[in-house]
Every structure is written in structure tokens, then in C-alpha cells.
Amino acid sequence: YAPKTTSLLEADASSDKVAPALQPRVVAASDA
């Protein structure tokens, strides 16, 4: 979370661990 910013997250598809079915891709925040 950061006010008035949009954070783009990379999906983790590594094979060395079991990744969750759904992963966060975008976190958008409004004004503080």
C-alpha cells in the first residue's frame, strides 16, 4: 500500500515451491 500509486507485481511461477492458485498482480491505492 502506498497512497495514490499502483504497484504491479510479478507472478511467481517457480517450480521449486508450490505456488498458490491465485497470486496478487496489481495493488492500487487511493488518496491517503
All heavy atoms as atom14 arrays in JSON, in Angstrom:
{
  "sequence": "YAPKTTSLLEADASSDKVAPALQPRVVAASDA",
  "atom14_mask": [
    [1, 1, 1, 1, 1, 1, 1, 1, 1, 1, 1, 1, 0, 0],
    [1, 1, 1, 1, 1, 0, 0, 0, 0, 0, 0, 0, 0, 0],
    [1, 1, 1, 1, 1, 1, 1, 0, 0, 0, 0, 0, 0, 0],
    [1, 1, 1, 1, 1, 1, 1, 1, 1, 0, 0, 0, 0, 0],
    [1, 1, 1, 1, 1, 1, 1, 0, 0, 0, 0, 0, 0, 0],
    [1, 1, 1, 1, 1, 1, 1, 0, 0, 0, 0, 0, 0, 0],
    [1, 1, 1, 1, 1, 1, 0, 0, 0, 0, 0, 0, 0, 0],
    [1, 1, 1, 1, 1, 1, 1, 1, 0, 0, 0, 0, 0, 0],
    [1, 1, 1, 1, 1, 1, 1, 1, 0, 0, 0, 0, 0, 0],
    [1, 1, 1, 1, 1, 1, 1, 1, 1, 0, 0, 0, 0, 0],
    [1, 1, 1, 1, 1, 0, 0, 0, 0, 0, 0, 0, 0, 0],
    [1, 1, 1, 1, 1, 1, 1, 1, 0, 0, 0, 0, 0, 0],
    [1, 1, 1, 1, 1, 0, 0, 0, 0, 0, 0, 0, 0, 0],
    [1, 1, 1, 1, 1, 1, 0, 0, 0, 0, 0, 0, 0, 0],
    [1, 1, 1, 1, 1, 1, 0, 0, 0, 0, 0, 0, 0, 0],
    [1, 1, 1, 1, 1, 1, 1, 1, 0, 0, 0, 0, 0, 0],
    [1, 1, 1, 1, 1, 1, 1, 1, 1, 0, 0, 0, 0, 0],
    [1, 1, 1, 1, 1, 1, 1, 0, 0, 0, 0, 0, 0, 0],
    [1, 1, 1, 1, 1, 0, 0, 0, 0, 0, 0, 0, 0, 0],
    [1, 1, 1, 1, 1, 1, 1, 0, 0, 0, 0, 0, 0, 0],
    [1, 1, 1, 1, 1, 0, 0, 0, 0, 0, 0, 0, 0, 0],
    [1, 1, 1, 1, 1, 1, 1, 1, 0, 0, 0, 0, 0, 0],
    [1, 1, 1, 1, 1, 1, 1, 1, 1, 0, 0, 0, 0, 0],
    [1, 1, 1, 1, 1, 1, 1, 0, 0, 0, 0, 0, 0, 0],
    [1, 1, 1, 1, 1, 1, 1, 1, 1, 1, 1, 0, 0, 0],
    [1, 1, 1, 1, 1, 1, 1, 0, 0, 0, 0, 0, 0, 0],
    [1, 1, 1, 1, 1, 1, 1, 0, 0, 0, 0, 0, 0, 0],
    [1, 1, 1, 1, 1, 0, 0, 0, 0, 0, 0, 0, 0, 0],
    [1, 1, 1, 1, 1, 0, 0, 0, 0, 0, 0, 0, 0, 0],
    [1, 1, 1, 1, 1, 1, 0, 0, 0, 0, 0, 0, 0, 0],
    [1, 1, 1, 1, 1, 1, 1, 1, 0, 0, 0, 0, 0, 0],
    [1, 1, 1, 1, 1, 0, 0, 0, 0, 0, 0, 0, 0, 0]
  ],
  "atom14_positions": [
    [[0.83, -1.2, 0.0], [0.0, 0.0, 0.0], [0.87, 1.26, 0.0], [1.79, 1.39, 0.79], [-0.91, 0.01, 1.23], [-1.64, 1.32, 1.41], [-2.76, 1.62, 0.63], [-1.21, 2.26, 2.33], [-3.42, 2.81, 0.79], [-1.87, 3.46, 2.5], [-2.98, 3.73, 1.72], [-3.64, 4.92, 1.87], [0.0, 0.0, 0.0], [0.0, 0.0, 0.0]],
    [[0.56, 2.15, -0.92], [1.2, 3.47, -0.98], [0.16, 4.43, -1.57], [-0.4, 4.15, -2.63], [2.46, 3.46, -1.84], [0.0, 0.0, 0.0], [0.0, 0.0, 0.0], [0.0, 0.0, 0.0], [0.0, 0.0, 0.0], [0.0, 0.0, 0.0], [0.0, 0.0, 0.0], [0.0, 0.0, 0.0], [0.0, 0.0, 0.0], [0.0, 0.0, 0.0]],
    [[-0.15, 5.54, -0.88], [-1.23, 6.43, -1.34], [-1.02, 6.91, -2.77], [0.08, 7.28, -3.17], [-1.17, 7.59, -0.33], [-0.5, 7.02, 0.88], [0.47, 6.0, 0.36], [0.0, 0.0, 0.0], [0.0, 0.0, 0.0], [0.0, 0.0, 0.0], [0.0, 0.0, 0.0], [0.0, 0.0, 0.0], [0.0, 0.0, 0.0], [0.0, 0.0, 0.0]],
    [[-2.11, 6.83, -3.55], [-2.17, 7.35, -4.92], [-1.13, 6.72, -5.84], [-0.56, 7.37, -6.7], [-2.02, 8.88, -4.92], [-3.09, 9.62, -4.16], [-3.0, 11.11, -4.34], [-3.42, 11.5, -5.75], [-3.5, 12.96, -5.93], [0.0, 0.0, 0.0], [0.0, 0.0, 0.0], [0.0, 0.0, 0.0], [0.0, 0.0, 0.0], [0.0, 0.0, 0.0]],
    [[-0.85, 5.44, -5.65], [0.08, 4.72, -6.51], [-0.51, 3.35, -6.86], [-1.36, 2.83, -6.14], [1.44, 4.52, -5.85], [1.26, 3.8, -4.62], [2.11, 5.84, -5.56], [0.0, 0.0, 0.0], [0.0, 0.0, 0.0], [0.0, 0.0, 0.0], [0.0, 0.0, 0.0], [0.0, 0.0, 0.0], [0.0, 0.0, 0.0], [0.0, 0.0, 0.0]],
    [[-0.02, 2.79, -7.97], [-0.41, 1.45, -8.4], [0.84, 0.6, -8.51], [1.76, 0.95, -9.26], [-1.14, 1.51, -9.76], [-2.31, 2.32, -9.63], [-1.55, 0.11, -10.2], [0.0, 0.0, 0.0], [0.0, 0.0, 0.0], [0.0, 0.0, 0.0], [0.0, 0.0, 0.0], [0.0, 0.0, 0.0], [0.0, 0.0, 0.0], [0.0, 0.0, 0.0]],
    [[0.88, -0.5, -7.77], [2.04, -1.4, -7.75], [1.73, -2.62, -8.6], [0.69, -3.27, -8.4], [2.37, -1.82, -6.32], [2.63, -0.69, -5.51], [0.0, 0.0, 0.0], [0.0, 0.0, 0.0], [0.0, 0.0, 0.0], [0.0, 0.0, 0.0], [0.0, 0.0, 0.0], [0.0, 0.0, 0.0], [0.0, 0.0, 0.0], [0.0, 0.0, 0.0]],
    [[2.62, -2.93, -9.54], [2.49, -4.1, -10.4], [3.39, -5.2, -9.85], [4.59, -4.99, -9.65], [2.87, -3.76, -11.85], [2.11, -2.59, -12.48], [2.59, -2.36, -13.9], [0.61, -2.84, -12.45], [0.0, 0.0, 0.0], [0.0, 0.0, 0.0], [0.0, 0.0, 0.0], [0.0, 0.0, 0.0], [0.0, 0.0, 0.0], [0.0, 0.0, 0.0]],
    [[2.83, -6.38, -9.61], [3.55, -7.48, -9.0], [3.77, -8.58, -10.04], [2.88, -8.86, -10.86], [2.78, -8.04, -7.79], [2.27, -7.0, -6.79], [1.52, -7.69, -5.67], [3.42, -6.18, -6.25], [0.0, 0.0, 0.0], [0.0, 0.0, 0.0], [0.0, 0.0, 0.0], [0.0, 0.0, 0.0], [0.0, 0.0, 0.0], [0.0, 0.0, 0.0]],
    [[4.92, -9.21, -9.99], [5.25, -10.29, -10.9], [4.68, -11.6, -10.34], [4.81, -11.9, -9.15], [6.76, -10.42, -11.06], [7.4, -9.25, -11.78], [6.99, -9.18, -13.24], [6.59, -10.22, -13.79], [7.06, -8.08, -13.82], [0.0, 0.0, 0.0], [0.0, 0.0, 0.0], [0.0, 0.0, 0.0], [0.0, 0.0, 0.0], [0.0, 0.0, 0.0]],
    [[4.06, -12.39, -11.21], [3.53, -13.7, -10.8], [4.68, -14.67, -10.59], [5.6, -14.75, -11.41], [2.56, -14.23, -11.85], [0.0, 0.0, 0.0], [0.0, 0.0, 0.0], [0.0, 0.0, 0.0], [0.0, 0.0, 0.0], [0.0, 0.0, 0.0], [0.0, 0.0, 0.0], [0.0, 0.0, 0.0], [0.0, 0.0, 0.0], [0.0, 0.0, 0.0]],
    [[4.65, -15.41, -9.48], [5.71, -16.35, -9.13], [5.31, -17.74, -9.63], [4.44, -18.39, -9.06], [5.92, -16.36, -7.62], [7.13, -17.2, -7.23], [7.81, -17.68, -8.14], [7.36, -17.37, -6.02], [0.0, 0.0, 0.0], [0.0, 0.0, 0.0], [0.0, 0.0, 0.0], [0.0, 0.0, 0.0], [0.0, 0.0, 0.0], [0.0, 0.0, 0.0]],
    [[5.93, -18.18, -10.73], [5.63, -19.5, -11.3], [6.8, -20.46, -11.15], [6.98, -21.37, -11.94], [5.26, -19.35, -12.77], [0.0, 0.0, 0.0], [0.0, 0.0, 0.0], [0.0, 0.0, 0.0], [0.0, 0.0, 0.0], [0.0, 0.0, 0.0], [0.0, 0.0, 0.0], [0.0, 0.0, 0.0], [0.0, 0.0, 0.0], [0.0, 0.0, 0.0]],
    [[7.64, -20.25, -10.13], [8.81, -21.11, -9.93], [8.36, -22.51, -9.54], [7.34, -22.71, -8.9], [9.71, -20.53, -8.84], [8.98, -20.38, -7.64], [0.0, 0.0, 0.0], [0.0, 0.0, 0.0], [0.0, 0.0, 0.0], [0.0, 0.0, 0.0], [0.0, 0.0, 0.0], [0.0, 0.0, 0.0], [0.0, 0.0, 0.0], [0.0, 0.0, 0.0]],
    [[9.15, -23.49, -9.93], [8.79, -24.89, -9.71], [9.34, -25.46, -8.43], [9.04, -26.58, -8.07], [9.29, -25.74, -10.89], [10.71, -25.59, -11.02], [0.0, 0.0, 0.0], [0.0, 0.0, 0.0], [0.0, 0.0, 0.0], [0.0, 0.0, 0.0], [0.0, 0.0, 0.0], [0.0, 0.0, 0.0], [0.0, 0.0, 0.0], [0.0, 0.0, 0.0]],
    [[10.2, -24.69, -7.71], [10.8, -25.24, -6.5], [9.88, -25.17, -5.31], [10.18, -25.68, -4.25], [12.11, -24.52, -6.19], [11.89, -23.02, -6.04], [10.82, -22.54, -6.48], [12.77, -22.33, -5.49], [0.0, 0.0, 0.0], [0.0, 0.0, 0.0], [0.0, 0.0, 0.0], [0.0, 0.0, 0.0], [0.0, 0.0, 0.0], [0.0, 0.0, 0.0]],
    [[8.77, -24.53, -5.44], [7.79, -24.48, -4.36], [6.39, -24.48, -4.96], [6.19, -24.13, -6.12], [8.01, -23.25, -3.49], [7.86, -21.93, -4.24], [8.08, -20.78, -3.31], [7.94, -19.46, -4.07], [8.13, -18.31, -3.17], [0.0, 0.0, 0.0], [0.0, 0.0, 0.0], [0.0, 0.0, 0.0], [0.0, 0.0, 0.0], [0.0, 0.0, 0.0]],
    [[5.45, -24.83, -4.13], [4.06, -24.9, -4.59], [3.47, -23.5, -4.51], [3.27, -22.96, -3.41], [3.26, -25.89, -3.72], [1.82, -25.93, -4.2], [3.9, -27.27, -3.78], [0.0, 0.0, 0.0], [0.0, 0.0, 0.0], [0.0, 0.0, 0.0], [0.0, 0.0, 0.0], [0.0, 0.0, 0.0], [0.0, 0.0, 0.0], [0.0, 0.0, 0.0]],
    [[3.2, -22.89, -5.66], [2.65, -21.54, -5.69], [1.13, -21.62, -5.5], [0.49, -22.58, -5.9], [2.98, -20.87, -7.02], [0.0, 0.0, 0.0], [0.0, 0.0, 0.0], [0.0, 0.0, 0.0], [0.0, 0.0, 0.0], [0.0, 0.0, 0.0], [0.0, 0.0, 0.0], [0.0, 0.0, 0.0], [0.0, 0.0, 0.0], [0.0, 0.0, 0.0]],
    [[0.52, -20.59, -4.86], [-0.94, -20.6, -4.69], [-1.65, -20.49, -6.03], [-1.08, -20.06, -7.03], [-1.19, -19.37, -3.8], [0.01, -18.5, -3.99], [1.15, -19.43, -4.24], [0.0, 0.0, 0.0], [0.0, 0.0, 0.0], [0.0, 0.0, 0.0], [0.0, 0.0, 0.0], [0.0, 0.0, 0.0], [0.0, 0.0, 0.0], [0.0, 0.0, 0.0]],
    [[-2.91, -20.93, -6.02], [-3.69, -20.91, -7.26], [-3.84, -19.5, -7.8], [-3.76, -19.26, -9.01], [-5.05, -21.55, -7.02], [0.0, 0.0, 0.0], [0.0, 0.0, 0.0], [0.0, 0.0, 0.0], [0.0, 0.0, 0.0], [0.0, 0.0, 0.0], [0.0, 0.0, 0.0], [0.0, 0.0, 0.0], [0.0, 0.0, 0.0], [0.0, 0.0, 0.0]],
    [[-4.06, -18.53, -6.91], [-4.2, -17.13, -7.3], [-3.08, -16.33, -6.66], [-2.73, -16.55, -5.49], [-5.56, -16.57, -6.87], [-6.79, -17.24, -7.45], [-8.05, -16.6, -6.91], [-6.79, -17.16, -8.97], [0.0, 0.0, 0.0], [0.0, 0.0, 0.0], [0.0, 0.0, 0.0], [0.0, 0.0, 0.0], [0.0, 0.0, 0.0], [0.0, 0.0, 0.0]],
    [[-2.53, -15.4, -7.41], [-1.45, -14.56, -6.9], [-1.78, -13.1, -7.15], [-2.39, -12.75, -8.17], [-0.13, -14.92, -7.58], [0.38, -16.31, -7.27], [1.78, -16.53, -7.78], [2.43, -15.61, -8.24], [2.24, -17.77, -7.71], [0.0, 0.0, 0.0], [0.0, 0.0, 0.0], [0.0, 0.0, 0.0], [0.0, 0.0, 0.0], [0.0, 0.0, 0.0]],
    [[-1.39, -12.19, -6.21], [-1.63, -10.76, -6.42], [-0.87, -10.25, -7.64], [0.31, -10.55, -7.81], [-1.12, -10.13, -5.12], [-1.07, -11.23, -4.12], [-0.8, -12.48, -4.9], [0.0, 0.0, 0.0], [0.0, 0.0, 0.0], [0.0, 0.0, 0.0], [0.0, 0.0, 0.0], [0.0, 0.0, 0.0], [0.0, 0.0, 0.0], [0.0, 0.0, 0.0]],
    [[-1.55, -9.5, -8.47], [-0.93, -8.94, -9.67], [-0.86, -7.41, -9.62], [0.11, -6.83, -10.09], [-1.73, -9.37, -10.92], [-1.79, -10.87, -11.11], [-0.44, -11.45, -11.51], [0.02, -10.87, -12.75], [-0.36, -11.28, -13.95], [-1.22, -12.3, -14.06], [0.12, -10.71, -15.04], [0.0, 0.0, 0.0], [0.0, 0.0, 0.0], [0.0, 0.0, 0.0]],
    [[-1.89, -6.78, -9.07], [-1.94, -5.32, -9.03], [-2.47, -4.9, -7.66], [-3.43, -5.49, -7.15], [-2.84, -4.73, -10.14], [-2.82, -3.21, -10.08], [-2.39, -5.2, -11.5], [0.0, 0.0, 0.0], [0.0, 0.0, 0.0], [0.0, 0.0, 0.0], [0.0, 0.0, 0.0], [0.0, 0.0, 0.0], [0.0, 0.0, 0.0], [0.0, 0.0, 0.0]],
    [[-1.84, -3.86, -7.07], [-2.31, -3.25, -5.83], [-2.42, -1.75, -6.09], [-1.41, -1.07, -6.29], [-1.36, -3.53, -4.64], [-1.86, -2.81, -3.4], [-1.25, -5.02, -4.38], [0.0, 0.0, 0.0], [0.0, 0.0, 0.0], [0.0, 0.0, 0.0], [0.0, 0.0, 0.0], [0.0, 0.0, 0.0], [0.0, 0.0, 0.0], [0.0, 0.0, 0.0]],
    [[-3.66, -1.24, -6.13], [-3.92, 0.18, -6.41], [-4.47, 0.83, -5.15], [-5.32, 0.26, -4.46], [-4.91, 0.33, -7.56], [0.0, 0.0, 0.0], [0.0, 0.0, 0.0], [0.0, 0.0, 0.0], [0.0, 0.0, 0.0], [0.0, 0.0, 0.0], [0.0, 0.0, 0.0], [0.0, 0.0, 0.0], [0.0, 0.0, 0.0], [0.0, 0.0, 0.0]],
    [[-3.97, 2.03, -4.84], [-4.35, 2.73, -3.6], [-4.92, 4.1, -3.94], [-4.49, 4.75, -4.91], [-3.15, 2.87, -2.67], [0.0, 0.0, 0.0], [0.0, 0.0, 0.0], [0.0, 0.0, 0.0], [0.0, 0.0, 0.0], [0.0, 0.0, 0.0], [0.0, 0.0, 0.0], [0.0, 0.0, 0.0], [0.0, 0.0, 0.0], [0.0, 0.0, 0.0]],
    [[-5.88, 4.54, -3.13], [-6.5, 5.84, -3.32], [-5.73, 6.9, -2.55], [-4.62, 6.67, -2.07], [-7.95, 5.79, -2.84], [-7.99, 5.58, -1.44], [0.0, 0.0, 0.0], [0.0, 0.0, 0.0], [0.0, 0.0, 0.0], [0.0, 0.0, 0.0], [0.0, 0.0, 0.0], [0.0, 0.0, 0.0], [0.0, 0.0, 0.0], [0.0, 0.0, 0.0]],
    [[-6.35, 8.06, -2.4], [-5.73, 9.13, -1.63], [-5.58, 8.73, -0.18], [-6.35, 7.9, 0.33], [-6.57, 10.41, -1.76], [-5.85, 11.61, -1.22], [-5.11, 12.25, -1.98], [-6.02, 11.9, -0.04], [0.0, 0.0, 0.0], [0.0, 0.0, 0.0], [0.0, 0.0, 0.0], [0.0, 0.0, 0.0], [0.0, 0.0, 0.0], [0.0, 0.0, 0.0]],
    [[-4.59, 9.33, 0.51], [-4.34, 8.97, 1.91], [-5.53, 9.29, 2.8], [-5.74, 8.63, 3.82], [-3.09, 9.71, 2.42], [0.0, 0.0, 0.0], [0.0, 0.0, 0.0], [0.0, 0.0, 0.0], [0.0, 0.0, 0.0], [0.0, 0.0, 0.0], [0.0, 0.0, 0.0], [0.0, 0.0, 0.0], [0.0, 0.0, 0.0], [0.0, 0.0, 0.0]]
  ]
}
